[in-house]
Amino acid sequence: MADLSGKVALVTGAGQGVGLGIALALAAAGARVVLAGRTREKVEKAAAELAARGGTALAVACNVRDPADLAAAVDRAVAGFGALDILVNNAQEVPLGKLDDVSDEAFLAGFESGPLATFRLMKLARPHLAARGGGTIVNLASSAGLRWDMSGYGAYGAVKQAIRALTRAGAAEWGREGIRVLTIAPHAESPGLKWWVENNPEEAEAFFRTIPLGRIGRLEEDIGRAVAALCGDELGYLTGATIPLDGGQANFD
């Protein structure tokens, strides 16, 4: 387990699923965590769960499509805990469907909640990370952008691939400030994945057969702890990379 004692982390979409799993793992590693999410009740419940386990957490209502909310979340982290060391850009509205079926509004929501929110938060966090001598930004992508058959996944893959480009740019431009920027591409037992399985049973069955480890990742144990490790000193020479936390399924080479 990485030792993140004294670190402050901000996680978006932290009220459930992958975001909550990451927040729990960061707190278990010793970080103080700001949980940001669109639904206040969810992030408050999540913060209470962290506190019950001995962690230190703040809950912040935040719509990542609203730039004022993003700035307020960063300000709350710094005001509440005095610093910011780790940013996890997890929140994302998913524009699924064939190209003819995805509306401009759905695609724009995916873009605003994904690469645009990531772009904005990276820039908001940068001066605070630099003031601490460096820090770690973890962005979330998806193997959906690498499918051999992109039917039904073009819009989603497009916004997620854009996030990977932002990661590479941030790593290149801010590395001399000690800021590392990484992308993870997880498969996890999230509410979104469960919904997809229920609504696409045949495709899901075929999908699971292509995972070499034979299972979906656990939210805290597999995804969250990997993120905590990536934020630790032991992996301090790693930046700009996409780490596929998917049981060996996708080829990001």
Protein backbone atom coordinates (compact mmCIF):
# COMPACT_ATOMS: atom_id res chain seq x y z
CA MET A 1 0.00 0.00 0.00
CA ALA A 2 1.31 3.43 -0.94
CA ASP A 3 1.89 5.93 1.86
CA LEU A 4 0.03 9.13 0.99
CA SER A 5 0.09 10.60 4.48
CA GLY A 6 -0.04 14.38 4.38
CA LYS A 7 -1.38 14.45 0.82
CA VAL A 8 -4.65 16.10 -0.25
CA ALA A 9 -6.68 14.61 -3.10
CA LEU A 10 -9.66 15.86 -5.10
CA VAL A 11 -11.76 13.18 -6.83
CA THR A 12 -14.63 14.02 -9.17
CA GLY A 13 -17.61 11.73 -9.57
CA ALA A 14 -16.78 10.41 -6.10
CA GLY A 15 -20.30 9.65 -4.92
CA GLN A 16 -20.35 6.13 -6.33
CA GLY A 17 -18.62 3.63 -8.58
CA VAL A 18 -15.03 4.07 -9.68
CA GLY A 19 -14.72 7.53 -8.12
CA LEU A 20 -15.79 6.25 -4.72
CA GLY A 21 -13.49 3.24 -5.00
CA ILE A 22 -10.56 5.54 -5.74
CA ALA A 23 -11.49 7.90 -2.90
CA LEU A 24 -11.68 5.02 -0.43
CA ALA A 25 -8.28 3.71 -1.47
CA LEU A 26 -6.64 7.13 -1.32
CA ALA A 27 -8.04 7.68 2.17
CA ALA A 28 -6.86 4.24 3.28
CA ALA A 29 -3.38 5.21 2.09
CA GLY A 30 -3.47 8.28 4.32
CA ALA A 31 -4.63 11.07 2.00
CA ARG A 32 -7.24 13.60 2.99
CA VAL A 33 -9.88 13.48 0.28
CA VAL A 34 -12.30 15.99 -1.21
CA LEU A 35 -15.19 14.11 -2.81
CA ALA A 36 -16.85 16.09 -5.59
CA GLY A 37 -20.07 14.98 -7.22
CA ARG A 38 -23.18 16.33 -8.89
CA THR A 39 -25.52 14.92 -6.21
CA ARG A 40 -24.73 16.36 -2.80
CA GLU A 41 -26.42 13.51 -0.90
CA LYS A 42 -24.22 10.91 -2.60
CA VAL A 43 -20.93 12.63 -1.86
CA GLU A 44 -21.98 13.38 1.71
CA LYS A 45 -22.80 9.70 2.21
CA ALA A 46 -19.47 8.75 0.65
CA ALA A 47 -17.60 11.20 2.90
CA ALA A 48 -19.33 9.69 5.93
CA GLU A 49 -18.20 6.24 4.79
CA LEU A 50 -14.59 7.43 4.59
CA ALA A 51 -14.86 9.03 8.01
CA ALA A 52 -16.32 5.85 9.52
CA ARG A 53 -13.24 4.01 8.30
CA GLY A 54 -10.93 6.51 9.95
CA GLY A 55 -10.33 8.77 6.95
CA THR A 56 -10.62 12.53 6.59
CA ALA A 57 -12.96 13.78 3.90
CA LEU A 58 -14.92 16.76 2.62
CA ALA A 59 -17.98 16.55 0.38
CA VAL A 60 -18.50 19.14 -2.36
CA ALA A 61 -21.48 19.41 -4.71
CA CYS A 62 -19.97 19.93 -8.16
CA ASN A 63 -21.34 19.74 -11.69
CA VAL A 64 -18.16 19.28 -13.74
CA ARG A 65 -19.83 20.95 -16.75
CA ASP A 66 -19.95 24.20 -14.75
CA PRO A 67 -16.59 26.03 -14.65
CA ALA A 68 -17.62 27.93 -11.53
CA ASP A 69 -18.27 24.63 -9.71
CA LEU A 70 -14.85 23.34 -10.75
CA ALA A 71 -13.09 26.41 -9.41
CA ALA A 72 -15.10 26.21 -6.21
CA ALA A 73 -14.15 22.54 -5.71
CA VAL A 74 -10.44 23.33 -5.99
CA ASP A 75 -10.83 26.33 -3.69
CA ARG A 76 -12.69 24.18 -1.15
CA ALA A 77 -9.90 21.59 -1.17
CA VAL A 78 -7.22 24.22 -0.57
CA ALA A 79 -9.28 26.12 2.02
CA GLY A 80 -10.30 22.96 3.85
CA PHE A 81 -7.00 21.11 3.87
CA GLY A 82 -4.43 23.78 3.03
CA ALA A 83 -3.08 22.21 -0.15
CA LEU A 84 -3.74 20.03 -3.18
CA ASP A 85 -1.45 17.17 -4.25
CA ILE A 86 -3.62 14.76 -6.23
CA LEU A 87 -6.38 15.35 -8.78
CA VAL A 88 -8.49 12.50 -10.16
CA ASN A 89 -10.69 13.43 -13.13
CA ASN A 90 -13.27 10.65 -13.03
CA ALA A 91 -16.69 12.21 -13.70
CA GLN A 92 -18.06 11.65 -17.20
CA GLU A 93 -21.41 11.68 -18.96
CA VAL A 94 -21.36 8.87 -21.52
CA PRO A 95 -22.64 9.54 -25.07
CA LEU A 96 -23.36 5.99 -26.25
CA GLY A 97 -25.05 5.01 -29.49
CA LYS A 98 -24.42 4.88 -33.21
CA LEU A 99 -23.38 8.16 -34.77
CA ASP A 100 -26.79 8.77 -36.35
CA ASP A 101 -28.44 8.25 -32.96
CA VAL A 102 -26.20 10.46 -30.79
CA SER A 103 -27.58 13.98 -30.62
CA ASP A 104 -25.44 17.09 -30.60
CA GLU A 105 -26.63 17.68 -27.05
CA ALA A 106 -25.48 14.24 -25.87
CA PHE A 107 -22.11 14.56 -27.59
CA LEU A 108 -21.60 18.04 -26.16
CA ALA A 109 -22.48 16.78 -22.67
CA GLY A 110 -19.87 14.04 -23.06
CA PHE A 111 -17.28 16.56 -24.22
CA GLU A 112 -18.05 19.12 -21.51
CA SER A 113 -18.05 16.56 -18.69
CA GLY A 114 -15.02 14.70 -20.04
CA PRO A 115 -12.15 16.44 -21.86
CA LEU A 116 -13.29 20.01 -21.21
CA ALA A 117 -13.79 19.44 -17.48
CA THR A 118 -10.48 17.55 -17.35
CA PHE A 119 -8.75 20.42 -19.19
CA ARG A 120 -10.22 23.01 -16.85
CA LEU A 121 -9.44 21.13 -13.65
CA MET A 122 -5.89 20.32 -14.73
CA LYS A 123 -5.23 24.04 -15.18
CA LEU A 124 -6.96 24.97 -11.92
CA ALA A 125 -4.98 22.38 -9.98
CA ARG A 126 -1.60 23.07 -11.55
CA PRO A 127 -0.49 26.09 -9.44
CA HIS A 128 -1.41 24.32 -6.21
CA LEU A 129 0.46 21.15 -7.19
CA ALA A 130 3.46 23.19 -8.28
CA ALA A 131 3.45 25.08 -4.97
CA ARG A 132 3.90 21.74 -3.21
CA GLY A 133 6.89 20.86 -5.38
CA GLY A 134 4.79 18.60 -7.60
CA GLY A 135 1.84 16.26 -7.54
CA THR A 136 -0.13 13.76 -9.55
CA ILE A 137 -3.07 14.15 -11.93
CA VAL A 138 -4.93 10.98 -12.90
CA ASN A 139 -7.34 11.20 -15.83
CA LEU A 140 -9.77 8.48 -16.86
CA ALA A 141 -10.01 7.13 -20.38
CA SER A 142 -11.55 3.95 -21.79
CA SER A 143 -10.64 1.07 -24.04
CA ALA A 144 -13.83 2.01 -25.94
CA GLY A 145 -11.60 4.28 -27.98
CA LEU A 146 -9.59 1.28 -29.22
CA ARG A 147 -12.32 -1.17 -30.13
CA TRP A 148 -11.84 -2.96 -33.46
CA ASP A 149 -15.56 -2.40 -34.08
CA MET A 150 -16.42 1.15 -33.04
CA SER A 151 -20.12 0.79 -33.89
CA GLY A 152 -22.07 2.44 -31.09
CA TYR A 153 -18.95 3.74 -29.34
CA GLY A 154 -17.66 6.48 -31.65
CA ALA A 155 -18.80 9.49 -29.63
CA TYR A 156 -17.74 7.97 -26.31
CA GLY A 157 -14.41 6.82 -27.70
CA ALA A 158 -13.80 10.26 -29.16
CA VAL A 159 -14.15 12.13 -25.87
CA LYS A 160 -12.06 9.56 -24.01
CA GLN A 161 -9.27 9.63 -26.59
CA ALA A 162 -9.20 13.42 -26.27
CA ILE A 163 -8.49 13.00 -22.56
CA ARG A 164 -5.46 10.83 -23.36
CA ALA A 165 -4.06 13.64 -25.51
CA LEU A 166 -4.48 16.11 -22.63
CA THR A 167 -2.59 13.73 -20.36
CA ARG A 168 0.36 13.58 -22.75
CA ALA A 169 0.42 17.37 -23.08
CA GLY A 170 0.21 17.98 -19.34
CA ALA A 171 2.99 15.50 -18.66
CA ALA A 172 5.22 17.16 -21.25
CA GLU A 173 4.52 20.75 -20.25
CA TRP A 174 4.49 20.46 -16.47
CA GLY A 175 6.99 17.72 -15.75
CA ARG A 176 9.73 20.20 -14.79
CA GLU A 177 7.42 21.42 -12.03
CA GLY A 178 7.27 17.92 -10.58
CA ILE A 179 3.73 17.37 -11.83
CA ARG A 180 3.03 13.91 -13.21
CA VAL A 181 -0.04 13.31 -15.39
CA LEU A 182 -1.33 9.80 -16.04
CA THR A 183 -4.34 8.12 -17.62
CA ILE A 184 -6.02 4.95 -16.42
CA ALA A 185 -8.49 2.94 -18.49
CA PRO A 186 -10.39 0.71 -16.06
CA HIS A 187 -12.97 -2.04 -16.25
CA ALA A 188 -14.77 -1.99 -12.92
CA GLU A 189 -17.95 -3.07 -11.17
CA SER A 190 -19.51 0.37 -11.51
CA PRO A 191 -23.22 1.22 -11.81
CA GLY A 192 -22.58 2.24 -15.42
CA LEU A 193 -21.06 -1.12 -16.33
CA LYS A 194 -23.86 -2.99 -14.56
CA TRP A 195 -26.41 -0.98 -16.56
CA TRP A 196 -24.57 -1.81 -19.79
CA VAL A 197 -24.49 -5.53 -18.97
CA GLU A 198 -28.21 -5.58 -18.21
CA ASN A 199 -29.05 -3.81 -21.46
CA ASN A 200 -26.54 -5.62 -23.71
CA PRO A 201 -26.37 -9.19 -22.34
CA GLU A 202 -25.08 -10.93 -25.46
CA GLU A 203 -22.41 -8.31 -26.16
CA ALA A 204 -21.45 -8.33 -22.48
CA GLU A 205 -20.98 -12.10 -22.46
CA ALA A 206 -18.68 -11.89 -25.47
CA PHE A 207 -16.87 -8.95 -23.89
CA PHE A 208 -16.13 -10.82 -20.67
CA ARG A 209 -14.67 -13.76 -22.59
CA THR A 210 -11.95 -11.46 -23.95
CA ILE A 211 -10.59 -10.50 -20.49
CA PRO A 212 -7.53 -12.72 -19.82
CA LEU A 213 -7.91 -12.52 -16.03
CA GLY A 214 -11.53 -13.57 -16.40
CA ARG A 215 -13.20 -10.96 -14.22
CA ILE A 216 -14.12 -7.29 -13.88
CA GLY A 217 -12.05 -5.12 -11.57
CA ARG A 218 -13.15 -4.40 -8.02
CA LEU A 219 -13.73 -0.72 -7.37
CA GLU A 220 -11.47 -0.16 -4.38
CA GLU A 221 -9.17 -3.17 -4.35
CA ASP A 222 -8.26 -3.25 -8.05
CA ILE A 223 -8.85 0.26 -9.35
CA GLY A 224 -8.55 2.44 -6.26
CA ARG A 225 -5.42 0.83 -4.89
CA ALA A 226 -3.76 1.02 -8.30
CA VAL A 227 -4.43 4.76 -8.39
CA ALA A 228 -3.05 5.14 -4.87
CA ALA A 229 0.10 3.32 -5.96
CA LEU A 230 0.44 5.55 -9.03
CA CYS A 231 0.30 8.60 -6.77
CA GLY A 232 3.02 7.28 -4.47
CA ASP A 233 6.75 7.98 -4.52
CA GLU A 234 7.53 4.46 -5.67
CA LEU A 235 6.16 5.25 -9.15
CA GLY A 236 7.45 8.81 -9.20
CA TYR A 237 9.27 8.38 -12.53
CA LEU A 238 6.12 7.41 -14.42
CA THR A 239 4.24 10.10 -16.34
CA GLY A 240 2.36 10.60 -19.60
CA ALA A 241 1.31 6.96 -19.80
CA THR A 242 -2.03 5.20 -20.17
CA ILE A 243 -2.36 2.35 -17.69
CA PRO A 244 -5.05 -0.17 -18.71
CA LEU A 245 -6.61 -1.54 -15.51
CA ASP A 246 -8.71 -4.01 -17.47
CA GLY A 247 -7.45 -7.52 -16.73
CA GLY A 248 -5.27 -7.53 -19.84
CA GLN A 249 -8.01 -7.01 -22.41
CA ALA A 250 -7.09 -3.88 -24.39
CA ASN A 251 -3.93 -3.19 -26.38
CA PHE A 252 -2.82 0.42 -25.82
CA ASP A 253 0.54 -0.06 -27.60
